[in-house]
Amino acid sequence: MKKIKRVPNLVLATVVLTALFSQASFGGSLPSHSQLQKALKKVVAEANGGFGFHMWATIVDRDGVVLSVVFSGKKRGDQWPGSRVISAQKANTANAFSLPGLALSTANLFSAVQPGGSLFGLQFSNPVSTKVAYRGPSQAIGTELDPMVSYKIGGVNVFGGGLPLYDRKGKLVGAIGVSGDSSCADHNIAWKLRHKLNLDNVPAGVSPTKDDNIVNDITNGVSANGWGHPVCTPKATKIAKQFPKTHPIGKKR
């Protein structure tokens, strides 16, 4: 019985130590589980151009280690169950393919990975670790003890919802992934969430506004600048287009 009782404490210690190590490594700029969940709930309550569904959000550090997994609903079943892993996959993608001098959102990758695109085949690289994705007790999902925390999830996702994170000094410290609605709403929520966390000091990007915003320039299946993403709804497109004014990148405080 003593051995069984010690297991949860060992797991908790591992999760806490991993989070603390990452916080120390990245200057304490990454949010805690409670901070992330609180911010997500506020953003989800806003108009984002989608269905208004509850969402999952995952943060990984620069090494791709999952630090936090949260949901906006009252319980884990209030969001699409499949979107939990997708949110982690998006976070991994944005981190894996962004650099200190160039940010790439998952939305920026859509056209590039299509047949004939400059990054065709990228979506098949770095597969999700199913052992990490589906390990552990269901009761822990979305809590501080989410079974993905302290592990590398992997995965490549090429539609909206994943953004790299740059701290106040412009240092690339990891990425965030959001999932649970249309891909465009996912992007909008991720953008607002990153802005609220003050982790959007983006150095440069491939969008017309020189950041990692979604690019809606696909006509007849072809993106004008090669980094385009399909339009989901006019409302979602309008919200994203206004981000340079409503939620501008850069240090704010």
Protein backbone atom coordinates (compact mmCIF):
# COMPACT_ATOMS: atom_id res chain seq x y z
CA MET A 1 0.00 0.00 0.00
CA LYS A 2 2.85 2.41 0.77
CA LYS A 3 4.33 1.94 -2.67
CA ILE A 4 1.00 2.66 -4.34
CA LYS A 5 0.54 5.84 -2.32
CA ARG A 6 3.96 7.12 -3.32
CA VAL A 7 3.31 6.92 -7.06
CA PRO A 8 1.08 10.04 -7.34
CA ASN A 9 3.58 12.02 -5.28
CA LEU A 10 6.40 10.92 -7.57
CA VAL A 11 4.41 11.93 -10.64
CA LEU A 12 3.54 15.29 -9.10
CA ALA A 13 7.18 15.91 -8.19
CA THR A 14 8.27 15.12 -11.76
CA VAL A 15 5.69 17.49 -13.25
CA VAL A 16 6.52 20.30 -10.83
CA LEU A 17 10.27 19.94 -11.32
CA THR A 18 9.87 19.94 -15.12
CA ALA A 19 7.76 23.09 -15.00
CA LEU A 20 10.15 24.83 -12.61
CA PHE A 21 13.17 23.87 -14.72
CA SER A 22 11.54 25.26 -17.85
CA GLN A 23 10.51 28.42 -16.05
CA ALA A 24 14.09 28.93 -14.90
CA SER A 25 15.55 28.10 -18.32
CA PHE A 26 13.31 30.59 -20.09
CA GLY A 27 13.46 33.40 -17.57
CA GLY A 28 10.15 32.63 -15.91
CA SER A 29 8.29 33.94 -18.96
CA LEU A 30 6.08 30.92 -19.55
CA PRO A 31 2.72 30.91 -17.74
CA SER A 32 1.63 28.45 -15.09
CA HIS A 33 -1.27 26.05 -15.63
CA SER A 34 -3.69 28.32 -13.76
CA GLN A 35 -2.53 31.45 -15.61
CA LEU A 36 -2.96 29.76 -18.97
CA GLN A 37 -6.39 28.39 -18.15
CA LYS A 38 -7.63 31.72 -16.81
CA ALA A 39 -6.47 33.54 -19.94
CA LEU A 40 -7.97 30.88 -22.23
CA LYS A 41 -11.39 31.13 -20.58
CA LYS A 42 -11.42 34.90 -21.10
CA VAL A 43 -10.44 34.69 -24.76
CA VAL A 44 -12.91 31.90 -25.57
CA ALA A 45 -15.72 34.06 -24.19
CA GLU A 46 -15.02 36.66 -26.90
CA ALA A 47 -16.15 36.64 -30.54
CA ASN A 48 -13.56 34.70 -32.53
CA GLY A 49 -15.34 33.94 -35.79
CA GLY A 50 -16.09 30.28 -35.12
CA PHE A 51 -18.76 28.18 -33.44
CA GLY A 52 -18.00 29.46 -29.96
CA PHE A 53 -16.91 26.03 -28.74
CA HIS A 54 -14.79 25.38 -25.68
CA MET A 55 -11.10 24.91 -26.36
CA TRP A 56 -7.92 23.09 -25.45
CA ALA A 57 -4.58 24.89 -25.16
CA THR A 58 -1.11 23.40 -24.78
CA ILE A 59 2.25 25.06 -24.19
CA VAL A 60 5.59 23.45 -25.01
CA ASP A 61 9.02 24.82 -24.19
CA ARG A 62 11.79 25.37 -26.74
CA ASP A 63 12.80 21.71 -26.44
CA GLY A 64 9.28 20.59 -27.34
CA VAL A 65 8.47 19.39 -23.83
CA VAL A 66 4.82 19.80 -22.86
CA LEU A 67 4.50 22.15 -19.88
CA SER A 68 0.75 22.79 -19.60
CA VAL A 69 -2.48 21.37 -21.00
CA VAL A 70 -5.72 23.19 -20.16
CA PHE A 71 -9.33 23.39 -21.28
CA SER A 72 -11.86 26.22 -21.08
CA GLY A 73 -14.96 24.24 -20.15
CA LYS A 74 -16.05 23.02 -16.73
CA LYS A 75 -14.96 19.44 -17.42
CA ARG A 76 -12.80 17.64 -19.96
CA GLY A 77 -15.79 16.41 -21.96
CA ASP A 78 -16.93 19.96 -22.76
CA GLN A 79 -14.36 20.19 -25.58
CA TRP A 80 -13.72 17.86 -28.52
CA PRO A 81 -11.65 15.07 -26.93
CA GLY A 82 -9.54 14.75 -30.08
CA SER A 83 -8.52 18.39 -29.91
CA ARG A 84 -6.38 17.87 -26.82
CA VAL A 85 -3.66 16.08 -28.77
CA ILE A 86 -4.15 18.40 -31.76
CA SER A 87 -3.47 21.42 -29.55
CA ALA A 88 -0.22 19.81 -28.41
CA GLN A 89 0.65 18.90 -32.00
CA LYS A 90 0.12 22.51 -33.07
CA ALA A 91 2.33 23.79 -30.25
CA ASN A 92 5.05 21.36 -31.26
CA THR A 93 4.83 22.43 -34.91
CA ALA A 94 5.03 26.17 -34.22
CA ASN A 95 8.01 25.61 -31.96
CA ALA A 96 9.77 23.16 -34.26
CA PHE A 97 9.59 25.36 -37.36
CA SER A 98 10.13 28.82 -35.90
CA LEU A 99 13.49 30.46 -35.29
CA PRO A 100 14.82 33.33 -33.16
CA GLY A 101 14.56 35.54 -36.23
CA LEU A 102 11.48 34.15 -38.02
CA ALA A 103 8.10 33.08 -36.67
CA LEU A 104 5.92 30.58 -38.51
CA SER A 105 2.41 29.83 -37.32
CA THR A 106 0.77 26.54 -38.19
CA ALA A 107 -1.63 28.53 -40.39
CA ASN A 108 1.34 29.75 -42.45
CA LEU A 109 2.23 26.17 -43.35
CA PHE A 110 -1.01 25.09 -45.03
CA SER A 111 -0.24 25.99 -48.64
CA ALA A 112 3.46 25.23 -48.40
CA VAL A 113 2.83 21.54 -47.62
CA GLN A 114 0.33 20.93 -50.42
CA PRO A 115 1.46 18.96 -53.51
CA GLY A 116 3.83 21.23 -55.43
CA GLY A 117 4.37 23.44 -52.38
CA SER A 118 7.79 24.42 -51.10
CA LEU A 119 7.44 22.24 -47.99
CA PHE A 120 5.44 19.32 -49.39
CA GLY A 121 5.85 16.30 -47.13
CA LEU A 122 6.59 18.28 -43.99
CA GLN A 123 3.30 17.14 -42.48
CA PHE A 124 4.53 13.55 -42.49
CA SER A 125 7.70 14.29 -40.55
CA ASN A 126 8.05 14.31 -36.75
CA PRO A 127 5.03 12.08 -36.00
CA VAL A 128 3.04 12.35 -32.77
CA SER A 129 4.21 10.04 -30.01
CA THR A 130 1.12 7.93 -29.37
CA LYS A 131 2.69 6.62 -26.16
CA VAL A 132 2.73 10.18 -24.83
CA ALA A 133 -0.60 11.21 -26.32
CA TYR A 134 -2.66 8.43 -24.79
CA ARG A 135 -0.80 7.56 -21.61
CA GLY A 136 -2.04 7.95 -18.04
CA PRO A 137 -5.44 8.18 -16.32
CA SER A 138 -8.26 10.08 -18.00
CA GLN A 139 -9.07 11.84 -14.73
CA ALA A 140 -5.79 13.75 -14.95
CA ILE A 141 -6.41 15.12 -18.44
CA GLY A 142 -6.35 18.91 -18.54
CA THR A 143 -5.09 19.21 -14.96
CA GLU A 144 -1.61 20.11 -13.74
CA LEU A 145 -0.95 16.37 -13.85
CA ASP A 146 -2.02 15.90 -17.47
CA PRO A 147 -0.18 12.76 -18.66
CA MET A 148 1.47 14.64 -21.55
CA VAL A 149 3.20 17.10 -19.21
CA SER A 150 6.99 16.67 -18.98
CA TYR A 151 7.08 14.63 -22.21
CA LYS A 152 7.78 15.45 -25.86
CA ILE A 153 4.58 14.99 -27.88
CA GLY A 154 5.94 15.58 -31.40
CA GLY A 155 3.59 15.94 -34.36
CA VAL A 156 3.15 18.35 -37.27
CA ASN A 157 -0.11 20.22 -37.87
CA VAL A 158 -0.64 22.53 -40.82
CA PHE A 159 -3.79 24.51 -40.09
CA GLY A 160 -4.50 27.45 -37.80
CA GLY A 161 -4.01 27.39 -34.03
CA GLY A 162 -0.28 27.08 -33.35
CA LEU A 163 1.99 30.06 -32.62
CA PRO A 164 5.59 30.42 -31.40
CA LEU A 165 6.15 32.32 -28.15
CA TYR A 166 8.64 35.19 -27.84
CA ASP A 167 9.20 36.78 -24.45
CA ARG A 168 9.62 40.48 -23.65
CA LYS A 169 13.24 40.39 -24.78
CA GLY A 170 12.29 38.74 -28.06
CA LYS A 171 13.66 35.34 -27.06
CA LEU A 172 11.94 32.31 -28.57
CA VAL A 173 10.85 30.30 -25.52
CA GLY A 174 8.42 27.72 -26.94
CA ALA A 175 4.99 27.69 -28.51
CA ILE A 176 1.28 27.49 -27.86
CA GLY A 177 -1.31 25.35 -29.60
CA VAL A 178 -5.08 25.84 -29.50
CA SER A 179 -7.76 23.50 -30.82
CA GLY A 180 -11.50 22.90 -30.54
CA ASP A 181 -13.22 25.08 -33.14
CA SER A 182 -12.72 25.90 -36.82
CA SER A 183 -9.06 26.22 -37.76
CA CYS A 184 -9.45 29.96 -38.33
CA ALA A 185 -11.11 30.50 -34.94
CA ASP A 186 -8.33 28.40 -33.42
CA HIS A 187 -5.78 30.78 -34.91
CA ASN A 188 -7.68 33.83 -33.67
CA ILE A 189 -7.95 32.44 -30.15
CA ALA A 190 -4.27 31.48 -30.11
CA TRP A 191 -3.30 34.98 -31.30
CA LYS A 192 -5.39 36.69 -28.61
CA LEU A 193 -4.14 34.27 -25.97
CA ARG A 194 -0.49 34.85 -26.85
CA HIS A 195 -1.13 38.60 -26.78
CA LYS A 196 -2.77 38.38 -23.34
CA LEU A 197 0.21 36.41 -22.04
CA ASN A 198 2.61 39.05 -23.42
CA LEU A 199 4.55 36.44 -25.40
CA ASP A 200 4.09 37.92 -28.88
CA ASN A 201 7.28 39.91 -29.35
CA VAL A 202 7.56 38.38 -32.83
CA PRO A 203 10.74 39.32 -34.77
CA ALA A 204 9.48 38.70 -38.32
CA GLY A 205 7.15 36.52 -40.34
CA VAL A 206 5.88 35.62 -43.80
CA SER A 207 2.57 37.50 -43.69
CA PRO A 208 2.07 40.84 -45.48
CA THR A 209 2.37 42.55 -42.09
CA LYS A 210 5.73 40.83 -41.46
CA ASP A 211 4.48 38.64 -38.63
CA ASP A 212 3.01 35.13 -38.28
CA ASN A 213 -0.64 36.10 -38.74
CA ILE A 214 -2.87 33.90 -40.89
CA VAL A 215 -2.66 34.74 -44.62
CA ASN A 216 -5.97 34.46 -46.49
CA ASP A 217 -4.78 34.85 -50.09
CA ILE A 218 -5.82 31.56 -51.70
CA THR A 219 -7.60 31.92 -55.04
CA ASN A 220 -8.57 28.88 -57.10
CA GLY A 221 -6.52 26.74 -54.77
CA VAL A 222 -3.33 28.79 -55.10
CA SER A 223 -1.79 31.07 -52.46
CA ALA A 224 -0.39 34.29 -53.88
CA ASN A 225 2.60 34.40 -51.51
CA GLY A 226 2.89 30.65 -50.89
CA TRP A 227 1.94 30.77 -47.19
CA GLY A 228 -1.84 31.03 -47.45
CA HIS A 229 -4.61 29.37 -45.43
CA PRO A 230 -8.23 28.76 -46.51
CA VAL A 231 -10.96 31.16 -45.39
CA CYS A 232 -13.34 29.62 -42.85
CA THR A 233 -15.85 32.45 -42.38
CA PRO A 234 -15.84 36.13 -43.35
CA LYS A 235 -16.09 37.02 -39.66
CA ALA A 236 -13.00 35.02 -38.71
CA THR A 237 -11.07 36.54 -41.59
CA LYS A 238 -12.08 40.07 -40.56
CA ILE A 239 -11.01 39.48 -36.95
CA ALA A 240 -7.58 38.21 -38.01
CA LYS A 241 -7.09 41.03 -40.49
CA GLN A 242 -7.64 43.57 -37.71
CA PHE A 243 -5.06 42.05 -35.35
CA PRO A 244 -2.28 44.53 -36.23
CA LYS A 245 -4.56 47.20 -34.71
CA THR A 246 -6.56 45.30 -32.08
CA HIS A 247 -3.85 42.89 -30.86
CA PRO A 248 -0.51 44.15 -32.21
CA ILE A 249 2.66 42.14 -31.72
CA GLY A 250 5.50 43.50 -29.60
CA LYS A 251 6.37 44.31 -26.01
CA LYS A 252 3.49 46.03 -24.23
CA ARG A 253 4.53 46.23 -20.58
